C-alpha cells in the first residue's frame, strides 16, 4: 500500500490515454456507419420483397381494379400487423413499469410524485411547522390590547335603571306634556 506522502504514478501517460480514446471514438464511428448501411440494405431488401415495383402501363380498367383490391388487402394486412405489434409493445412497457415499481419497492426507495399546489391556511402551516403540541392561532384580535370600558352604568341616574317605570311615567297625555316642556324648556 502506498504511503500518504507518495503518490501513485499512472500506468498510462496522458498522451497515450488521449490517443487510445481517439482511436476508440474512431472505431465506434466506423461501426455506427456500417450499422446504418446494413440497416438501409435490409430495409431496401424488405421493401423489394413486400412491395415490388408496380407496372401499370398497358393494363385494362378491370386489371387496374383488381390491382387496387390487392393493394388494399395488403394495406389491411400491414395495418393489422402494425396494430398487433403496437399492442405487444404497450403490454411490454406496462410490464416493464410494473417490474420497475416492484424493484423500487424491494429496495425501499419510492419515486417522488409530482407535487401540486395546495392552498393551506396560515394556521395549518404553523401547526405543521411547530407540531401538534403547540397551539397556534392566527387570531389577530387576540394580540390587541384590551381596553377597559368605563362604568357608564354608575353615572346614569337611578330613575333610568328601571325602564318600565320610565315608560309608565311618559305614557298618556301627561308624559307627552313633560316631553314637550322638556324640549321647550332649554330653548327658552
N, C-alpha and C. Protein backbone atom coordinates (compact mmCIF):
# COMPACT_ATOMS: atom_id res chain seq x y z
N UNK A 1 0.84 -1.18 0.00
CA UNK A 1 0.00 0.00 0.00
C UNK A 1 0.88 1.24 0.00
N UNK A 2 0.54 2.22 -0.82
CA UNK A 2 1.35 3.43 -0.86
C UNK A 2 1.10 4.27 0.38
N UNK A 3 2.14 4.97 0.80
CA UNK A 3 2.02 5.84 1.96
C UNK A 3 1.37 7.15 1.54
N UNK A 4 1.02 7.94 2.55
CA UNK A 4 0.33 9.21 2.26
C UNK A 4 1.25 10.18 1.53
N UNK A 5 2.52 10.14 1.76
CA UNK A 5 3.46 11.07 1.16
C UNK A 5 3.72 10.75 -0.31
N UNK A 6 3.62 9.48 -0.69
CA UNK A 6 3.91 9.09 -2.07
C UNK A 6 2.62 9.02 -2.87
N UNK A 7 2.66 9.57 -4.09
CA UNK A 7 1.51 9.46 -4.98
C UNK A 7 1.76 8.34 -5.96
N UNK A 8 0.68 7.64 -6.33
CA UNK A 8 0.81 6.57 -7.31
C UNK A 8 0.93 7.18 -8.68
N UNK A 9 1.85 6.66 -9.44
CA UNK A 9 2.01 7.15 -10.81
C UNK A 9 1.07 6.38 -11.71
N UNK A 10 0.41 7.07 -12.63
CA UNK A 10 -0.47 6.35 -13.55
C UNK A 10 0.33 5.42 -14.46
N UNK A 11 -0.28 4.30 -14.78
CA UNK A 11 0.41 3.32 -15.61
C UNK A 11 0.46 3.76 -17.06
N UNK A 12 -0.54 4.58 -17.46
CA UNK A 12 -0.60 5.06 -18.84
C UNK A 12 -0.42 6.57 -18.81
N UNK A 13 0.41 7.08 -19.71
CA UNK A 13 0.62 8.52 -19.74
C UNK A 13 -0.61 9.20 -20.33
N UNK A 14 -0.70 10.49 -20.11
CA UNK A 14 -1.87 11.24 -20.57
C UNK A 14 -1.96 11.26 -22.10
N UNK A 15 -0.83 11.39 -22.76
CA UNK A 15 -0.85 11.42 -24.23
C UNK A 15 -1.28 10.06 -24.79
N UNK A 16 -0.80 8.98 -24.17
CA UNK A 16 -1.20 7.64 -24.63
C UNK A 16 -2.70 7.43 -24.38
N UNK A 17 -3.20 7.88 -23.21
CA UNK A 17 -4.62 7.75 -22.88
C UNK A 17 -5.46 8.52 -23.90
N UNK A 18 -5.04 9.74 -24.27
CA UNK A 18 -5.76 10.55 -25.25
C UNK A 18 -5.78 9.87 -26.60
N UNK A 19 -4.64 9.28 -27.00
CA UNK A 19 -4.57 8.60 -28.29
C UNK A 19 -5.50 7.39 -28.30
N UNK A 20 -5.54 6.61 -27.21
CA UNK A 20 -6.43 5.46 -27.14
C UNK A 20 -7.90 5.88 -27.21
N UNK A 21 -8.24 6.97 -26.52
CA UNK A 21 -9.62 7.45 -26.57
C UNK A 21 -10.01 7.87 -27.98
N UNK A 22 -9.11 8.55 -28.67
CA UNK A 22 -9.42 8.98 -30.04
C UNK A 22 -9.56 7.78 -30.97
N UNK A 23 -8.73 6.75 -30.77
CA UNK A 23 -8.86 5.53 -31.58
C UNK A 23 -10.18 4.82 -31.32
N UNK A 24 -10.59 4.77 -30.03
CA UNK A 24 -11.86 4.12 -29.69
C UNK A 24 -13.04 4.88 -30.31
N UNK A 25 -12.98 6.21 -30.29
CA UNK A 25 -14.06 7.01 -30.88
C UNK A 25 -14.11 6.78 -32.39
N UNK A 26 -12.96 6.72 -33.04
CA UNK A 26 -12.92 6.49 -34.49
C UNK A 26 -13.49 5.12 -34.83
N UNK A 27 -13.14 4.10 -34.04
CA UNK A 27 -13.64 2.74 -34.28
C UNK A 27 -15.16 2.69 -34.08
N UNK A 28 -15.65 3.35 -33.03
CA UNK A 28 -17.09 3.37 -32.77
C UNK A 28 -17.83 4.07 -33.92
N UNK A 29 -17.23 5.14 -34.44
CA UNK A 29 -17.87 5.85 -35.55
C UNK A 29 -17.94 4.96 -36.80
N UNK A 30 -16.88 4.21 -37.07
CA UNK A 30 -16.89 3.29 -38.22
C UNK A 30 -17.97 2.23 -38.05
N UNK A 31 -18.08 1.67 -36.84
CA UNK A 31 -19.09 0.63 -36.60
C UNK A 31 -20.50 1.19 -36.75
N UNK A 32 -20.73 2.41 -36.30
CA UNK A 32 -22.05 3.03 -36.47
C UNK A 32 -22.38 3.24 -37.93
N UNK A 33 -21.40 3.69 -38.70
CA UNK A 33 -21.63 3.88 -40.14
C UNK A 33 -21.95 2.55 -40.82
N UNK A 34 -21.23 1.49 -40.46
CA UNK A 34 -21.50 0.18 -41.03
C UNK A 34 -22.89 -0.31 -40.63
N UNK A 35 -23.28 -0.07 -39.38
CA UNK A 35 -24.60 -0.49 -38.91
C UNK A 35 -25.71 0.24 -39.67
N UNK A 36 -25.51 1.52 -39.94
CA UNK A 36 -26.51 2.29 -40.70
C UNK A 36 -26.62 1.73 -42.12
N UNK A 37 -25.49 1.40 -42.73
CA UNK A 37 -25.53 0.85 -44.09
C UNK A 37 -26.24 -0.50 -44.11
N UNK A 38 -25.96 -1.36 -43.13
CA UNK A 38 -26.60 -2.68 -43.05
C UNK A 38 -28.11 -2.52 -42.89
N UNK A 39 -28.53 -1.60 -42.02
CA UNK A 39 -29.97 -1.38 -41.83
C UNK A 39 -30.63 -0.86 -43.10
N UNK A 40 -29.96 0.00 -43.82
CA UNK A 40 -30.52 0.53 -45.06
C UNK A 40 -30.66 -0.58 -46.11
N UNK A 41 -29.66 -1.46 -46.18
CA UNK A 41 -29.74 -2.58 -47.13
C UNK A 41 -30.90 -3.52 -46.76
N UNK A 42 -31.05 -3.81 -45.45
CA UNK A 42 -32.15 -4.67 -45.01
C UNK A 42 -33.50 -4.03 -45.33
N UNK A 43 -33.59 -2.72 -45.17
CA UNK A 43 -34.84 -2.02 -45.47
C UNK A 43 -35.17 -2.12 -46.96
N UNK A 44 -34.17 -1.88 -47.80
CA UNK A 44 -34.40 -1.97 -49.24
C UNK A 44 -34.80 -3.39 -49.65
N UNK A 45 -34.16 -4.39 -49.04
CA UNK A 45 -34.49 -5.78 -49.35
C UNK A 45 -35.92 -6.10 -48.94
N UNK A 46 -36.32 -5.65 -47.74
CA UNK A 46 -37.67 -5.91 -47.25
C UNK A 46 -38.71 -5.24 -48.15
N UNK A 47 -38.45 -3.97 -48.52
CA UNK A 47 -39.40 -3.26 -49.39
C UNK A 47 -39.50 -3.92 -50.76
N UNK A 48 -38.37 -4.39 -51.30
CA UNK A 48 -38.40 -5.05 -52.61
C UNK A 48 -39.20 -6.35 -52.52
N UNK A 49 -39.09 -7.03 -51.37
CA UNK A 49 -39.80 -8.30 -51.19
C UNK A 49 -41.29 -8.08 -50.96
N UNK A 50 -41.62 -7.12 -50.09
CA UNK A 50 -43.02 -6.91 -49.71
C UNK A 50 -43.79 -6.02 -50.69
N UNK A 51 -43.12 -5.05 -51.26
CA UNK A 51 -43.80 -4.12 -52.17
C UNK A 51 -43.00 -4.00 -53.46
N UNK A 52 -43.20 -4.92 -54.40
CA UNK A 52 -42.46 -4.83 -55.67
C UNK A 52 -42.95 -3.63 -56.48
N UNK A 53 -42.12 -3.21 -57.41
CA UNK A 53 -42.47 -2.05 -58.24
C UNK A 53 -43.70 -2.38 -59.09
N UNK A 54 -44.57 -1.41 -59.20
CA UNK A 54 -45.80 -1.60 -59.96
C UNK A 54 -45.59 -1.28 -61.43
N UNK A 55 -46.13 -2.12 -62.26
CA UNK A 55 -46.09 -1.87 -63.71
C UNK A 55 -47.54 -1.75 -64.16
N UNK A 56 -48.02 -0.51 -64.25
CA UNK A 56 -49.43 -0.31 -64.58
C UNK A 56 -49.64 0.10 -66.04
N UNK A 57 -48.56 0.21 -66.79
CA UNK A 57 -48.74 0.61 -68.19
C UNK A 57 -49.31 -0.56 -69.00
N UNK A 58 -50.29 -0.25 -69.80
CA UNK A 58 -50.90 -1.25 -70.66
C UNK A 58 -51.92 -2.13 -69.96
N UNK A 59 -52.37 -1.79 -68.75
CA UNK A 59 -53.38 -2.59 -68.07
C UNK A 59 -54.77 -2.05 -68.38
N UNK A 60 -55.70 -2.96 -68.46
CA UNK A 60 -57.08 -2.54 -68.71
C UNK A 60 -57.71 -2.05 -67.41
N UNK A 61 -58.94 -1.51 -67.50
CA UNK A 61 -59.63 -0.98 -66.34
C UNK A 61 -59.94 -2.09 -65.32
N UNK A 62 -60.32 -3.25 -65.77
CA UNK A 62 -60.62 -4.36 -64.87
C UNK A 62 -59.35 -4.83 -64.16
N UNK A 63 -58.23 -4.86 -64.90
CA UNK A 63 -56.97 -5.28 -64.27
C UNK A 63 -56.51 -4.24 -63.23
N UNK A 64 -56.73 -2.95 -63.49
CA UNK A 64 -56.37 -1.90 -62.52
C UNK A 64 -57.22 -2.03 -61.26
N UNK A 65 -58.52 -2.35 -61.42
CA UNK A 65 -59.39 -2.54 -60.26
C UNK A 65 -58.92 -3.72 -59.42
N UNK A 66 -58.53 -4.82 -60.09
CA UNK A 66 -58.01 -5.98 -59.37
C UNK A 66 -56.73 -5.63 -58.61
N UNK A 67 -55.87 -4.86 -59.26
CA UNK A 67 -54.61 -4.44 -58.63
C UNK A 67 -54.90 -3.58 -57.39
N UNK A 68 -55.88 -2.68 -57.50
CA UNK A 68 -56.26 -1.82 -56.36
C UNK A 68 -56.80 -2.67 -55.21
N UNK A 69 -57.63 -3.66 -55.50
CA UNK A 69 -58.16 -4.51 -54.42
C UNK A 69 -57.04 -5.30 -53.76
N UNK A 70 -56.07 -5.78 -54.55
CA UNK A 70 -54.93 -6.49 -53.97
C UNK A 70 -54.12 -5.57 -53.06
N UNK A 71 -53.88 -4.34 -53.53
CA UNK A 71 -53.11 -3.38 -52.72
C UNK A 71 -53.86 -3.04 -51.42
N UNK A 72 -55.18 -2.88 -51.51
CA UNK A 72 -55.97 -2.60 -50.30
C UNK A 72 -55.91 -3.78 -49.32
N UNK A 73 -55.92 -4.99 -49.84
CA UNK A 73 -55.81 -6.17 -48.97
C UNK A 73 -54.44 -6.19 -48.28
N UNK A 74 -53.38 -5.86 -49.04
CA UNK A 74 -52.03 -5.82 -48.45
C UNK A 74 -51.93 -4.72 -47.38
N UNK A 75 -52.57 -3.59 -47.66
CA UNK A 75 -52.56 -2.48 -46.69
C UNK A 75 -53.28 -2.92 -45.40
N UNK A 76 -54.41 -3.61 -45.56
CA UNK A 76 -55.14 -4.09 -44.39
C UNK A 76 -54.29 -5.06 -43.56
N UNK A 77 -53.58 -5.98 -44.24
CA UNK A 77 -52.72 -6.93 -43.54
C UNK A 77 -51.61 -6.18 -42.80
N UNK A 78 -51.00 -5.18 -43.47
CA UNK A 78 -49.92 -4.41 -42.84
C UNK A 78 -50.44 -3.65 -41.62
N UNK A 79 -51.66 -3.07 -41.72
CA UNK A 79 -52.24 -2.35 -40.58
C UNK A 79 -52.52 -3.30 -39.41
N UNK A 80 -53.00 -4.49 -39.71
CA UNK A 80 -53.25 -5.46 -38.64
C UNK A 80 -51.95 -5.84 -37.94
N UNK A 81 -50.89 -6.06 -38.73
CA UNK A 81 -49.60 -6.39 -38.14
C UNK A 81 -49.08 -5.24 -37.28
N UNK A 82 -49.23 -4.01 -37.79
CA UNK A 82 -48.78 -2.83 -37.04
C UNK A 82 -49.55 -2.71 -35.72
N UNK A 83 -50.87 -2.93 -35.78
CA UNK A 83 -51.69 -2.85 -34.57
C UNK A 83 -51.26 -3.92 -33.56
N UNK A 84 -51.04 -5.14 -34.04
CA UNK A 84 -50.61 -6.22 -33.15
C UNK A 84 -49.27 -5.90 -32.49
N UNK A 85 -48.35 -5.37 -33.27
CA UNK A 85 -47.03 -5.03 -32.74
C UNK A 85 -47.15 -3.91 -31.72
N UNK A 86 -47.97 -2.89 -32.01
CA UNK A 86 -48.17 -1.79 -31.05
C UNK A 86 -48.77 -2.31 -29.74
N UNK A 87 -49.72 -3.24 -29.85
CA UNK A 87 -50.33 -3.80 -28.64
C UNK A 87 -49.29 -4.55 -27.82
N UNK A 88 -48.42 -5.32 -28.49
CA UNK A 88 -47.37 -6.05 -27.78
C UNK A 88 -46.40 -5.08 -27.10
N UNK A 89 -46.07 -4.01 -27.81
CA UNK A 89 -45.15 -3.02 -27.24
C UNK A 89 -45.77 -2.36 -26.01
N UNK A 90 -47.04 -1.99 -26.10
CA UNK A 90 -47.73 -1.37 -24.95
C UNK A 90 -47.76 -2.33 -23.76
N UNK A 91 -48.06 -3.59 -24.03
CA UNK A 91 -48.10 -4.59 -22.97
C UNK A 91 -46.72 -4.75 -22.32
N UNK A 92 -45.69 -4.80 -23.13
CA UNK A 92 -44.34 -4.97 -22.58
C UNK A 92 -43.91 -3.74 -21.80
N UNK A 93 -44.29 -2.53 -22.25
CA UNK A 93 -43.92 -1.34 -21.48
C UNK A 93 -44.64 -1.31 -20.13
N UNK A 94 -45.89 -1.75 -20.10
CA UNK A 94 -46.61 -1.84 -18.82
C UNK A 94 -45.93 -2.84 -17.89
N UNK A 95 -45.53 -3.98 -18.44
CA UNK A 95 -44.84 -4.98 -17.63
C UNK A 95 -43.53 -4.42 -17.09
N UNK A 96 -42.82 -3.68 -17.94
CA UNK A 96 -41.55 -3.09 -17.52
C UNK A 96 -41.78 -2.09 -16.39
N UNK A 97 -42.82 -1.27 -16.52
CA UNK A 97 -43.12 -0.29 -15.46
C UNK A 97 -43.50 -1.00 -14.16
N UNK A 98 -44.31 -2.05 -14.26
CA UNK A 98 -44.69 -2.80 -13.07
C UNK A 98 -43.46 -3.43 -12.40
N UNK A 99 -42.58 -3.99 -13.20
CA UNK A 99 -41.37 -4.59 -12.65
C UNK A 99 -40.46 -3.53 -12.01
N UNK A 100 -40.38 -2.36 -12.64
CA UNK A 100 -39.58 -1.28 -12.04
C UNK A 100 -40.15 -0.86 -10.70
N UNK A 101 -41.47 -0.81 -10.61
CA UNK A 101 -42.11 -0.44 -9.34
C UNK A 101 -41.81 -1.51 -8.28
N UNK A 102 -41.89 -2.78 -8.69
CA UNK A 102 -41.58 -3.86 -7.74
C UNK A 102 -40.14 -3.78 -7.26
N UNK A 103 -39.22 -3.48 -8.19
CA UNK A 103 -37.81 -3.36 -7.81
C UNK A 103 -37.63 -2.21 -6.83
N UNK A 104 -38.28 -1.08 -7.10
CA UNK A 104 -38.17 0.06 -6.19
C UNK A 104 -38.77 -0.27 -4.82
N UNK A 105 -39.87 -1.03 -4.82
CA UNK A 105 -40.46 -1.43 -3.55
C UNK A 105 -39.52 -2.34 -2.76
N UNK A 106 -38.87 -3.25 -3.46
CA UNK A 106 -37.95 -4.16 -2.78
C UNK A 106 -36.74 -3.41 -2.24
N UNK A 107 -36.31 -2.39 -2.95
CA UNK A 107 -35.17 -1.59 -2.48
C UNK A 107 -35.58 -0.69 -1.33
N UNK A 108 -36.83 -0.33 -1.30
CA UNK A 108 -37.29 0.58 -0.26
C UNK A 108 -37.27 2.03 -0.71
N UNK A 109 -36.97 2.26 -1.97
CA UNK A 109 -36.96 3.61 -2.49
C UNK A 109 -38.22 3.81 -3.33
N UNK A 110 -38.81 4.96 -3.17
CA UNK A 110 -40.02 5.26 -3.92
C UNK A 110 -39.79 6.51 -4.76
N UNK A 111 -40.42 6.54 -5.90
CA UNK A 111 -40.34 7.73 -6.74
C UNK A 111 -41.15 8.84 -6.10
N UNK A 112 -40.62 10.03 -6.15
CA UNK A 112 -41.37 11.16 -5.62
C UNK A 112 -42.41 11.57 -6.64
N UNK A 113 -43.65 11.65 -6.26
CA UNK A 113 -44.67 12.08 -7.22
C UNK A 113 -44.55 13.57 -7.49
N UNK A 114 -45.09 13.98 -8.61
CA UNK A 114 -45.13 15.40 -8.91
C UNK A 114 -46.09 16.07 -7.95
N UNK A 115 -45.62 17.09 -7.29
CA UNK A 115 -46.43 17.77 -6.29
C UNK A 115 -47.25 18.88 -6.94
N UNK A 116 -48.46 19.04 -6.44
CA UNK A 116 -49.33 20.10 -6.94
C UNK A 116 -49.49 21.15 -5.87
N UNK A 117 -49.82 22.36 -6.29
CA UNK A 117 -50.05 23.44 -5.34
C UNK A 117 -51.35 23.20 -4.60
N UNK A 118 -51.30 23.40 -3.30
CA UNK A 118 -52.48 23.23 -2.46
C UNK A 118 -52.60 24.48 -1.60
N UNK A 119 -53.78 25.01 -1.53
CA UNK A 119 -53.99 26.18 -0.67
C UNK A 119 -54.14 25.71 0.77
N UNK A 120 -53.29 26.25 1.62
CA UNK A 120 -53.30 25.88 3.02
C UNK A 120 -53.38 27.16 3.83
N UNK A 121 -54.16 27.13 4.89
CA UNK A 121 -54.29 28.32 5.72
C UNK A 121 -53.00 28.52 6.52
N UNK A 122 -52.85 29.73 7.04
CA UNK A 122 -51.66 30.05 7.83
C UNK A 122 -51.63 29.21 9.10
N UNK A 123 -52.80 28.96 9.68
CA UNK A 123 -52.85 28.13 10.89
C UNK A 123 -52.32 26.73 10.61
N UNK A 124 -52.71 26.15 9.49
CA UNK A 124 -52.26 24.80 9.16
C UNK A 124 -50.77 24.76 8.92
N UNK A 125 -50.22 25.80 8.28
CA UNK A 125 -48.78 25.83 8.03
C UNK A 125 -48.03 25.92 9.35
N UNK A 126 -48.48 26.81 10.24
CA UNK A 126 -47.81 26.93 11.54
C UNK A 126 -47.93 25.66 12.36
N UNK A 127 -49.09 25.01 12.30
CA UNK A 127 -49.26 23.75 13.02
C UNK A 127 -48.31 22.69 12.50
N UNK A 128 -48.13 22.66 11.18
CA UNK A 128 -47.23 21.65 10.62
C UNK A 128 -45.78 21.96 10.96
N UNK A 129 -45.43 23.25 11.04
CA UNK A 129 -44.06 23.60 11.37
C UNK A 129 -43.75 23.41 12.86
N UNK A 130 -44.69 23.81 13.70
CA UNK A 130 -44.44 23.77 15.14
C UNK A 130 -44.85 22.46 15.78
N UNK A 131 -45.63 21.68 15.10
CA UNK A 131 -46.07 20.41 15.65
C UNK A 131 -47.43 20.56 16.30
N UNK A 132 -48.01 19.44 16.65
CA UNK A 132 -49.37 19.46 17.20
C UNK A 132 -49.39 19.83 18.67
N UNK A 133 -48.24 19.78 19.36
CA UNK A 133 -48.26 20.06 20.79
C UNK A 133 -48.39 21.56 21.07
N UNK A 134 -48.01 22.40 20.11
CA UNK A 134 -48.16 23.84 20.29
C UNK A 134 -49.49 24.28 19.73
N UNK A 135 -50.20 25.10 20.50
CA UNK A 135 -51.47 25.61 20.00
C UNK A 135 -51.17 26.90 19.26
N UNK A 136 -51.55 26.94 18.03
CA UNK A 136 -51.25 28.08 17.19
C UNK A 136 -52.56 28.66 16.70
N UNK A 137 -52.66 29.97 16.76
CA UNK A 137 -53.82 30.61 16.15
C UNK A 137 -53.39 31.93 15.56
N UNK A 138 -53.94 32.23 14.46
CA UNK A 138 -53.63 33.48 13.78
C UNK A 138 -54.72 34.51 14.05
N UNK A 139 -55.34 34.44 15.23
CA UNK A 139 -56.38 35.39 15.58
C UNK A 139 -55.68 36.70 15.93
N UNK A 140 -55.75 37.67 15.03
CA UNK A 140 -55.04 38.92 15.24
C UNK A 140 -55.69 39.76 16.33
N UNK A 141 -56.95 39.58 16.56
CA UNK A 141 -57.64 40.36 17.60
C UNK A 141 -57.15 39.99 18.98
N UNK A 142 -56.66 38.76 19.15
CA UNK A 142 -56.18 38.33 20.46
C UNK A 142 -54.92 39.07 20.85
N UNK A 143 -54.15 39.53 19.86
CA UNK A 143 -52.90 40.23 20.15
C UNK A 143 -53.11 41.71 20.47
N UNK A 144 -54.30 42.22 20.24
CA UNK A 144 -54.57 43.63 20.51
C UNK A 144 -54.71 43.88 22.01
N UNK A 145 -54.45 45.13 22.40
CA UNK A 145 -54.61 45.48 23.81
C UNK A 145 -56.09 45.51 24.14
N UNK A 146 -56.41 45.08 25.33
CA UNK A 146 -57.80 45.13 25.75
C UNK A 146 -58.02 46.45 26.48
N UNK A 147 -59.05 47.14 26.12
CA UNK A 147 -59.35 48.43 26.71
C UNK A 147 -60.46 48.23 27.72
N UNK A 148 -60.27 48.78 28.93
CA UNK A 148 -61.29 48.65 29.97
C UNK A 148 -62.39 49.66 29.69
N UNK A 149 -63.59 49.17 29.68
CA UNK A 149 -64.73 50.06 29.46
C UNK A 149 -65.04 50.80 30.75
N UNK A 150 -65.36 52.08 30.60
CA UNK A 150 -65.72 52.87 31.77
C UNK A 150 -67.11 52.47 32.22
N UNK A 151 -67.32 52.54 33.48
CA UNK A 151 -68.63 52.16 34.02
C UNK A 151 -69.61 53.29 33.78
N UNK A 152 -70.26 53.25 32.65
CA UNK A 152 -71.25 54.29 32.34
C UNK A 152 -72.54 54.05 33.09
N UNK A 153 -72.71 52.80 33.49
CA UNK A 153 -73.95 52.49 34.22
C UNK A 153 -73.97 53.17 35.57
N UNK A 154 -72.82 53.41 36.20
CA UNK A 154 -72.77 54.06 37.50
C UNK A 154 -73.12 55.53 37.39
N UNK A 155 -72.82 56.14 36.25
CA UNK A 155 -73.09 57.56 36.06
C UNK A 155 -74.55 57.83 35.77
N UNK A 156 -75.29 56.85 35.30
CA UNK A 156 -76.70 57.05 34.96
C UNK A 156 -77.50 57.30 36.24
N UNK A 157 -78.51 58.10 36.10
CA UNK A 157 -79.34 58.33 37.29
C UNK A 157 -80.12 57.08 37.64
N UNK A 158 -80.59 57.02 38.85
CA UNK A 158 -81.28 55.85 39.35
C UNK A 158 -82.63 55.65 38.69
N UNK A 159 -83.23 56.72 38.22
CA UNK A 159 -84.55 56.57 37.60
C UNK A 159 -84.49 55.86 36.26
N UNK A 160 -83.32 55.90 35.59
CA UNK A 160 -83.18 55.21 34.31
C UNK A 160 -82.90 53.72 34.49
N UNK A 161 -82.65 53.32 35.73
CA UNK A 161 -82.30 51.93 35.95
C UNK A 161 -83.45 50.99 35.61
N UNK A 162 -84.68 51.39 35.88
CA UNK A 162 -85.82 50.55 35.53
C UNK A 162 -86.58 51.23 34.41
N UNK A 163 -86.50 50.72 33.22
CA UNK A 163 -87.09 51.35 32.04
C UNK A 163 -88.61 51.29 32.07
N UNK A 164 -89.14 50.28 32.78
CA UNK A 164 -90.59 50.17 32.81
C UNK A 164 -91.23 51.35 33.55
N UNK A 165 -90.60 51.80 34.60
CA UNK A 165 -91.13 52.95 35.34
C UNK A 165 -91.11 54.20 34.46
N UNK A 166 -90.04 54.33 33.69
CA UNK A 166 -89.91 55.49 32.82
C UNK A 166 -90.98 55.46 31.73
N UNK A 167 -91.27 54.30 31.18
CA UNK A 167 -92.29 54.20 30.14
C UNK A 167 -93.66 54.54 30.71
N UNK A 168 -93.96 54.04 31.90
CA UNK A 168 -95.26 54.32 32.52
C UNK A 168 -95.40 55.81 32.84
N UNK A 169 -94.33 56.44 33.25
CA UNK A 169 -94.39 57.86 33.57
C UNK A 169 -94.59 58.71 32.33
N UNK A 170 -94.07 58.26 31.21
CA UNK A 170 -94.17 59.03 29.98
C UNK A 170 -95.42 58.70 29.17
N UNK A 171 -96.15 57.70 29.56
CA UNK A 171 -97.32 57.32 28.79
C UNK A 171 -98.47 58.29 29.07
N UNK A 172 -99.36 58.35 28.13
CA UNK A 172 -100.53 59.22 28.30
C UNK A 172 -100.20 60.67 27.99
N UNK A 173 -101.16 61.53 28.24
CA UNK A 173 -101.02 62.94 27.91
C UNK A 173 -100.03 63.64 28.83
N UNK A 174 -99.94 63.21 30.05
CA UNK A 174 -99.03 63.87 30.98
C UNK A 174 -97.58 63.67 30.55
N UNK A 175 -97.28 62.47 30.09
CA UNK A 175 -95.92 62.18 29.65
C UNK A 175 -95.55 62.99 28.42
N UNK A 176 -96.50 63.14 27.51
CA UNK A 176 -96.20 63.91 26.30
C UNK A 176 -96.01 65.39 26.64
N UNK A 177 -96.80 65.85 27.63
CA UNK A 177 -96.67 67.24 28.02
C UNK A 177 -95.29 67.46 28.65
N UNK A 178 -94.82 66.48 29.46
CA UNK A 178 -93.50 66.60 30.08
C UNK A 178 -92.41 66.63 29.01
N UNK A 179 -92.55 65.79 27.99
CA UNK A 179 -91.56 65.75 26.92
C UNK A 179 -91.56 67.06 26.15
N UNK A 180 -92.76 67.61 25.91
CA UNK A 180 -92.87 68.87 25.17
C UNK A 180 -92.25 70.00 25.98
N UNK A 181 -92.54 70.01 27.28
CA UNK A 181 -92.00 71.05 28.14
C UNK A 181 -90.48 70.92 28.26
N UNK A 182 -90.00 69.66 28.32
CA UNK A 182 -88.55 69.42 28.45
C UNK A 182 -87.83 69.92 27.21
N UNK A 183 -88.43 69.67 26.03
CA UNK A 183 -87.80 70.11 24.80
C UNK A 183 -87.88 71.63 24.65
N UNK A 184 -88.95 72.23 25.16
CA UNK A 184 -89.16 73.65 25.02
C UNK A 184 -88.33 74.41 26.06
N UNK A 185 -88.14 73.82 27.22
CA UNK A 185 -87.50 74.48 28.35
C UNK A 185 -86.09 74.97 28.08
N UNK A 186 -85.16 74.16 27.58
CA UNK A 186 -83.80 74.64 27.38
C UNK A 186 -83.70 75.66 26.27
N UNK A 187 -84.66 75.66 25.31
CA UNK A 187 -84.59 76.60 24.20
C UNK A 187 -84.94 78.00 24.66
N UNK A 188 -85.76 78.14 25.70
CA UNK A 188 -86.16 79.47 26.16
C UNK A 188 -85.15 80.10 26.99
